[in-house]
């Protein structure tokens, strides 16, 4: 019984090594991933929405403020 338990330790080490080593090896051997700085890209429709919202906010001037009393505040 103890021999079976002791045999599990090398098998666990082997399994863990394969689970961690294979994906790491696949990433490290890929040459086109090295020295590449990723930049965040914003889709054009979001840029357009932000620009339109800014223009509308500037056209209105100051944003209206809701009164403190009444409505959902009570």
Protein backbone atom coordinates (compact mmCIF):
# COMPACT_ATOMS: atom_id res chain seq x y z
CA UNK A 1 0.00 0.00 0.00
CA UNK A 2 2.77 2.47 0.87
CA UNK A 3 4.56 1.71 -2.40
CA UNK A 4 1.49 2.85 -4.32
CA UNK A 5 1.39 6.09 -2.34
CA UNK A 6 5.09 6.76 -2.90
CA UNK A 7 4.66 6.09 -6.62
CA UNK A 8 2.06 8.89 -6.80
CA UNK A 9 4.60 11.58 -5.92
CA UNK A 10 6.67 11.28 -9.13
CA UNK A 11 3.45 11.00 -11.12
CA UNK A 12 2.12 14.20 -9.54
CA UNK A 13 5.39 15.98 -10.26
CA UNK A 14 5.27 14.79 -13.86
CA UNK A 15 1.62 15.84 -14.29
CA UNK A 16 2.24 19.28 -12.79
CA UNK A 17 5.34 19.75 -14.92
CA UNK A 18 3.39 18.93 -18.06
CA UNK A 19 0.45 21.18 -17.12
CA UNK A 20 2.74 24.14 -16.45
CA UNK A 21 5.54 23.39 -18.89
CA UNK A 22 3.69 22.80 -22.15
CA UNK A 23 1.80 26.13 -22.24
CA UNK A 24 4.93 27.97 -21.06
CA UNK A 25 7.00 26.32 -23.75
CA UNK A 26 4.43 27.21 -26.41
CA UNK A 27 4.49 30.88 -25.38
CA UNK A 28 8.27 31.17 -25.03
CA UNK A 29 9.09 29.56 -28.36
CA UNK A 30 6.87 32.00 -30.26
CA UNK A 31 9.35 34.57 -31.59
CA UNK A 32 6.85 37.16 -32.84
CA UNK A 33 5.56 37.76 -29.29
CA UNK A 34 8.90 39.03 -28.02
CA UNK A 35 9.53 42.78 -27.83
CA UNK A 36 5.96 43.61 -28.77
CA UNK A 37 4.23 46.35 -26.83
CA UNK A 38 0.49 45.99 -26.92
CA UNK A 39 -1.61 49.12 -27.21
CA UNK A 40 -5.23 49.47 -26.29
CA UNK A 41 -7.39 50.21 -29.26
CA UNK A 42 -10.74 51.90 -28.90
CA UNK A 43 -13.42 51.04 -31.47
CA UNK A 44 -14.41 53.90 -33.76
CA UNK A 45 -18.03 53.95 -32.65
CA UNK A 46 -17.01 54.58 -29.03
CA UNK A 47 -14.71 57.42 -30.06
CA UNK A 48 -17.54 58.93 -32.10
CA UNK A 49 -20.01 58.62 -29.20
CA UNK A 50 -17.59 60.29 -26.81
CA UNK A 51 -16.89 63.09 -29.26
CA UNK A 52 -20.61 63.69 -29.86
CA UNK A 53 -21.33 63.68 -26.12
CA UNK A 54 -18.55 66.20 -25.50
CA UNK A 55 -19.81 68.49 -28.26
CA UNK A 56 -23.38 68.32 -26.94
CA UNK A 57 -22.24 69.01 -23.38
CA UNK A 58 -20.24 72.03 -24.51
CA UNK A 59 -23.16 73.30 -26.60
CA UNK A 60 -25.53 73.15 -23.64
CA UNK A 61 -23.16 75.00 -21.38
CA UNK A 62 -23.67 74.04 -17.78
CA UNK A 63 -25.45 70.79 -17.04
CA UNK A 64 -28.82 71.19 -15.31
CA UNK A 65 -28.99 70.23 -11.63
CA UNK A 66 -32.00 68.44 -10.16
CA UNK A 67 -33.65 70.05 -7.15
CA UNK A 68 -32.82 68.50 -3.80
CA UNK A 69 -36.46 68.30 -2.66
CA UNK A 70 -39.10 66.14 -4.26
CA UNK A 71 -38.98 63.34 -6.79
CA UNK A 72 -36.86 60.31 -6.04
CA UNK A 73 -34.96 62.06 -3.26
CA UNK A 74 -37.77 61.58 -0.70
